[in-house]
Amino acid sequence: MANNIAGRPWILDTAAPGVIIWPSWMRIAQFSFIGYAAQGNKCVINDRNGQLVWQASGAADLRDQPSFKIGWVQGMIVQQIDGGGKVLVYIE
């Protein structure tokens, strides 16, 4: 599959370390890590400068892992998505 940033929310399912999928400033309401396969599966999102924006680890009961409010971020890089999971990105 491929990342889908055409609709709302964005659906990210493909990690590409070092590849900026959105280069400019954006205001993110929330992330949610969903559909992963096992406890401990991870997702990692960085900004365009390589700084950690958010990461989550899968739970034993495989429930969705939502973030708190994120705010302004300069660019986005999907560093890691494990276990066939997806990251939903809710843009403000």
N, C-alpha and C. Protein backbone atom coordinates (compact mmCIF):
# COMPACT_ATOMS: atom_id res chain seq x y z
N MET A 1 0.85 -1.17 0.00
CA MET A 1 0.00 0.00 0.00
C MET A 1 0.90 1.24 0.00
N ALA A 2 0.27 2.38 0.07
CA ALA A 2 1.02 3.63 0.05
C ALA A 2 0.34 4.63 0.97
N ASN A 3 1.14 5.56 1.46
CA ASN A 3 0.58 6.61 2.30
C ASN A 3 -0.46 7.40 1.52
N ASN A 4 -1.56 7.74 2.18
CA ASN A 4 -2.62 8.51 1.55
C ASN A 4 -2.78 9.83 2.29
N ILE A 5 -2.28 10.91 1.66
CA ILE A 5 -2.40 12.23 2.28
C ILE A 5 -3.37 13.12 1.50
N ALA A 6 -4.25 12.48 0.71
CA ALA A 6 -5.21 13.23 -0.10
C ALA A 6 -6.48 13.54 0.67
N GLY A 7 -6.85 12.73 1.64
CA GLY A 7 -8.09 12.92 2.37
C GLY A 7 -7.85 13.26 3.83
N ARG A 8 -8.89 13.22 4.60
CA ARG A 8 -8.80 13.45 6.03
C ARG A 8 -9.47 12.30 6.76
N PRO A 9 -8.87 11.65 7.72
CA PRO A 9 -7.49 11.87 8.15
C PRO A 9 -6.51 11.29 7.14
N TRP A 10 -5.25 11.72 7.24
CA TRP A 10 -4.21 11.08 6.45
C TRP A 10 -4.05 9.67 6.97
N ILE A 11 -3.75 8.74 6.07
CA ILE A 11 -3.53 7.34 6.45
C ILE A 11 -2.12 6.97 6.02
N LEU A 12 -1.26 6.75 7.00
CA LEU A 12 0.14 6.41 6.74
C LEU A 12 0.36 4.95 7.06
N ASP A 13 0.84 4.19 6.08
CA ASP A 13 1.09 2.76 6.31
C ASP A 13 2.46 2.33 5.78
N THR A 14 3.22 3.27 5.24
CA THR A 14 4.51 2.95 4.66
C THR A 14 5.59 3.83 5.27
N ALA A 15 6.52 3.21 5.94
CA ALA A 15 7.65 3.95 6.51
C ALA A 15 8.70 4.21 5.43
N ALA A 16 9.29 5.38 5.49
CA ALA A 16 10.36 5.75 4.57
C ALA A 16 11.34 6.63 5.33
N PRO A 17 12.21 6.00 6.14
CA PRO A 17 13.14 6.77 6.96
C PRO A 17 13.91 7.80 6.14
N GLY A 18 13.90 9.04 6.62
CA GLY A 18 14.62 10.11 5.96
C GLY A 18 13.89 10.79 4.83
N VAL A 19 12.72 10.25 4.41
CA VAL A 19 11.96 10.83 3.31
C VAL A 19 10.86 11.72 3.89
N ILE A 20 10.87 12.99 3.53
CA ILE A 20 9.88 13.94 4.03
C ILE A 20 8.60 13.81 3.20
N ILE A 21 7.49 13.44 3.85
CA ILE A 21 6.24 13.30 3.10
C ILE A 21 5.45 14.60 3.07
N TRP A 22 5.77 15.54 3.95
CA TRP A 22 5.17 16.86 3.92
C TRP A 22 6.24 17.83 4.41
N PRO A 23 6.67 18.80 3.57
CA PRO A 23 7.84 19.60 3.90
C PRO A 23 7.60 20.84 4.78
N SER A 24 6.39 21.37 4.79
CA SER A 24 6.18 22.65 5.46
C SER A 24 5.48 22.49 6.81
N TRP A 25 5.18 23.61 7.42
CA TRP A 25 4.52 23.61 8.72
C TRP A 25 3.10 23.06 8.59
N MET A 26 2.67 22.34 9.62
CA MET A 26 1.31 21.82 9.68
C MET A 26 0.89 21.75 11.14
N ARG A 27 -0.40 21.88 11.38
CA ARG A 27 -0.92 21.81 12.75
C ARG A 27 -1.66 20.49 12.90
N ILE A 28 -1.12 19.63 13.73
CA ILE A 28 -1.66 18.28 13.92
C ILE A 28 -2.48 18.23 15.19
N ALA A 29 -3.72 17.78 15.05
CA ALA A 29 -4.58 17.62 16.21
C ALA A 29 -4.18 16.37 16.99
N GLN A 30 -4.00 15.25 16.26
CA GLN A 30 -3.77 13.98 16.93
C GLN A 30 -3.26 12.94 15.95
N PHE A 31 -2.52 11.97 16.47
CA PHE A 31 -2.14 10.75 15.75
C PHE A 31 -2.88 9.59 16.40
N SER A 32 -3.05 8.51 15.65
CA SER A 32 -3.57 7.27 16.22
C SER A 32 -2.92 6.10 15.49
N PHE A 33 -2.31 5.18 16.25
CA PHE A 33 -1.68 3.98 15.71
C PHE A 33 -2.70 2.86 15.78
N ILE A 34 -3.08 2.32 14.61
CA ILE A 34 -4.16 1.33 14.55
C ILE A 34 -3.74 0.12 13.70
N GLY A 35 -4.46 -0.98 13.87
CA GLY A 35 -4.33 -2.12 12.98
C GLY A 35 -3.01 -2.87 13.02
N TYR A 36 -2.24 -2.70 14.06
CA TYR A 36 -0.96 -3.41 14.19
C TYR A 36 -1.20 -4.85 14.61
N ALA A 37 -0.19 -5.69 14.48
CA ALA A 37 -0.38 -7.13 14.65
C ALA A 37 -0.07 -7.68 16.04
N ALA A 38 0.81 -7.03 16.79
CA ALA A 38 1.24 -7.62 18.06
C ALA A 38 1.68 -6.57 19.07
N GLN A 39 1.60 -6.95 20.31
CA GLN A 39 2.09 -6.08 21.38
C GLN A 39 3.55 -5.73 21.10
N GLY A 40 3.88 -4.47 21.29
CA GLY A 40 5.25 -4.04 21.09
C GLY A 40 5.55 -3.52 19.69
N ASN A 41 4.64 -3.73 18.72
CA ASN A 41 4.84 -3.10 17.42
C ASN A 41 4.90 -1.59 17.64
N LYS A 42 5.76 -0.92 16.87
CA LYS A 42 5.99 0.50 17.09
C LYS A 42 5.71 1.32 15.85
N CYS A 43 5.43 2.59 16.10
CA CYS A 43 5.43 3.59 15.03
C CYS A 43 6.20 4.80 15.56
N VAL A 44 6.95 5.43 14.66
CA VAL A 44 7.77 6.58 15.01
C VAL A 44 7.61 7.64 13.93
N ILE A 45 7.26 8.86 14.35
CA ILE A 45 7.10 9.99 13.44
C ILE A 45 8.07 11.08 13.86
N ASN A 46 8.85 11.59 12.90
CA ASN A 46 9.80 12.68 13.14
C ASN A 46 9.39 13.90 12.34
N ASP A 47 9.94 15.06 12.72
CA ASP A 47 9.75 16.25 11.90
C ASP A 47 10.81 16.27 10.80
N ARG A 48 10.80 17.30 9.97
CA ARG A 48 11.73 17.34 8.83
C ARG A 48 13.18 17.49 9.25
N ASN A 49 13.42 17.86 10.51
CA ASN A 49 14.77 17.99 11.04
C ASN A 49 15.24 16.75 11.79
N GLY A 50 14.42 15.70 11.77
CA GLY A 50 14.78 14.44 12.42
C GLY A 50 14.44 14.37 13.89
N GLN A 51 13.76 15.39 14.42
CA GLN A 51 13.37 15.38 15.83
C GLN A 51 12.10 14.56 16.02
N LEU A 52 12.05 13.80 17.10
CA LEU A 52 10.89 12.98 17.40
C LEU A 52 9.66 13.85 17.63
N VAL A 53 8.58 13.53 16.92
CA VAL A 53 7.30 14.20 17.12
C VAL A 53 6.40 13.32 17.98
N TRP A 54 6.35 12.02 17.65
CA TRP A 54 5.49 11.08 18.38
C TRP A 54 5.93 9.66 18.09
N GLN A 55 5.77 8.81 19.10
CA GLN A 55 5.95 7.38 18.90
C GLN A 55 4.96 6.65 19.78
N ALA A 56 4.59 5.45 19.34
CA ALA A 56 3.66 4.62 20.10
C ALA A 56 4.09 3.17 19.99
N SER A 57 3.70 2.40 21.00
CA SER A 57 3.94 0.95 21.01
C SER A 57 2.61 0.25 21.16
N GLY A 58 2.46 -0.86 20.45
CA GLY A 58 1.22 -1.62 20.49
C GLY A 58 0.96 -2.25 21.85
N ALA A 59 -0.30 -2.35 22.20
CA ALA A 59 -0.73 -2.95 23.47
C ALA A 59 -1.07 -4.42 23.27
N ALA A 60 -1.11 -5.16 24.37
CA ALA A 60 -1.42 -6.59 24.31
C ALA A 60 -2.81 -6.86 23.76
N ASP A 61 -3.77 -5.97 24.04
CA ASP A 61 -5.14 -6.17 23.54
C ASP A 61 -5.36 -5.54 22.16
N LEU A 62 -4.29 -5.04 21.53
CA LEU A 62 -4.30 -4.49 20.18
C LEU A 62 -5.23 -3.29 19.99
N ARG A 63 -5.53 -2.60 21.10
CA ARG A 63 -6.39 -1.42 20.98
C ARG A 63 -5.64 -0.28 20.29
N ASP A 64 -6.39 0.66 19.71
CA ASP A 64 -5.79 1.84 19.07
C ASP A 64 -4.96 2.62 20.09
N GLN A 65 -3.87 3.19 19.63
CA GLN A 65 -2.98 3.97 20.48
C GLN A 65 -3.03 5.43 20.04
N PRO A 66 -3.90 6.24 20.67
CA PRO A 66 -4.00 7.64 20.28
C PRO A 66 -2.94 8.50 20.98
N SER A 67 -2.62 9.62 20.36
CA SER A 67 -1.72 10.59 20.98
C SER A 67 -2.55 11.63 21.71
N PHE A 68 -1.87 12.49 22.45
CA PHE A 68 -2.49 13.70 22.94
C PHE A 68 -2.40 14.73 21.83
N LYS A 69 -2.87 15.93 22.06
CA LYS A 69 -2.78 17.00 21.07
C LYS A 69 -1.31 17.25 20.74
N ILE A 70 -1.00 17.38 19.45
CA ILE A 70 0.37 17.53 19.00
C ILE A 70 0.72 19.00 18.77
N GLY A 71 -0.03 19.71 17.93
CA GLY A 71 0.25 21.12 17.64
C GLY A 71 1.05 21.29 16.36
N TRP A 72 1.81 22.39 16.29
CA TRP A 72 2.56 22.74 15.08
C TRP A 72 3.80 21.87 14.92
N VAL A 73 4.00 21.37 13.70
CA VAL A 73 5.14 20.52 13.36
C VAL A 73 5.68 20.99 12.02
N GLN A 74 7.00 21.07 11.90
CA GLN A 74 7.60 21.46 10.63
C GLN A 74 7.98 20.21 9.84
N GLY A 75 7.10 19.82 8.91
CA GLY A 75 7.35 18.65 8.09
C GLY A 75 7.08 17.35 8.82
N MET A 76 7.09 16.26 8.06
CA MET A 76 6.81 14.95 8.66
C MET A 76 7.58 13.86 7.93
N ILE A 77 8.20 12.98 8.73
CA ILE A 77 8.89 11.80 8.23
C ILE A 77 8.35 10.59 8.98
N VAL A 78 7.94 9.56 8.25
CA VAL A 78 7.48 8.32 8.87
C VAL A 78 8.70 7.41 8.99
N GLN A 79 9.27 7.35 10.18
CA GLN A 79 10.48 6.56 10.40
C GLN A 79 10.22 5.06 10.50
N GLN A 80 9.11 4.70 11.16
CA GLN A 80 8.88 3.27 11.43
C GLN A 80 7.39 3.02 11.62
N ILE A 81 6.89 1.96 11.01
CA ILE A 81 5.55 1.43 11.28
C ILE A 81 5.67 -0.09 11.24
N ASP A 82 5.44 -0.73 12.37
CA ASP A 82 5.58 -2.19 12.47
C ASP A 82 4.23 -2.90 12.39
N GLY A 83 4.30 -4.18 12.10
CA GLY A 83 3.17 -5.08 12.23
C GLY A 83 1.99 -4.80 11.33
N GLY A 84 2.24 -4.20 10.17
CA GLY A 84 1.14 -3.92 9.25
C GLY A 84 0.20 -2.82 9.75
N GLY A 85 0.65 -2.08 10.75
CA GLY A 85 -0.18 -1.03 11.32
C GLY A 85 -0.29 0.20 10.43
N LYS A 86 -1.15 1.10 10.85
CA LYS A 86 -1.36 2.36 10.16
C LYS A 86 -1.35 3.48 11.19
N VAL A 87 -0.94 4.65 10.75
CA VAL A 87 -1.01 5.84 11.59
C VAL A 87 -2.01 6.78 10.94
N LEU A 88 -3.05 7.14 11.69
CA LEU A 88 -4.00 8.14 11.24
C LEU A 88 -3.50 9.50 11.73
N VAL A 89 -3.49 10.48 10.83
CA VAL A 89 -3.02 11.82 11.17
C VAL A 89 -4.20 12.76 11.01
N TYR A 90 -4.62 13.36 12.11
CA TYR A 90 -5.73 14.30 12.08
C TYR A 90 -5.16 15.72 12.05
N ILE A 91 -5.38 16.40 10.93
CA ILE A 91 -4.85 17.75 10.71
C ILE A 91 -5.91 18.75 11.18
N GLU A 92 -5.44 19.81 11.85
CA GLU A 92 -6.36 20.88 12.26
C GLU A 92 -6.55 21.86 11.14
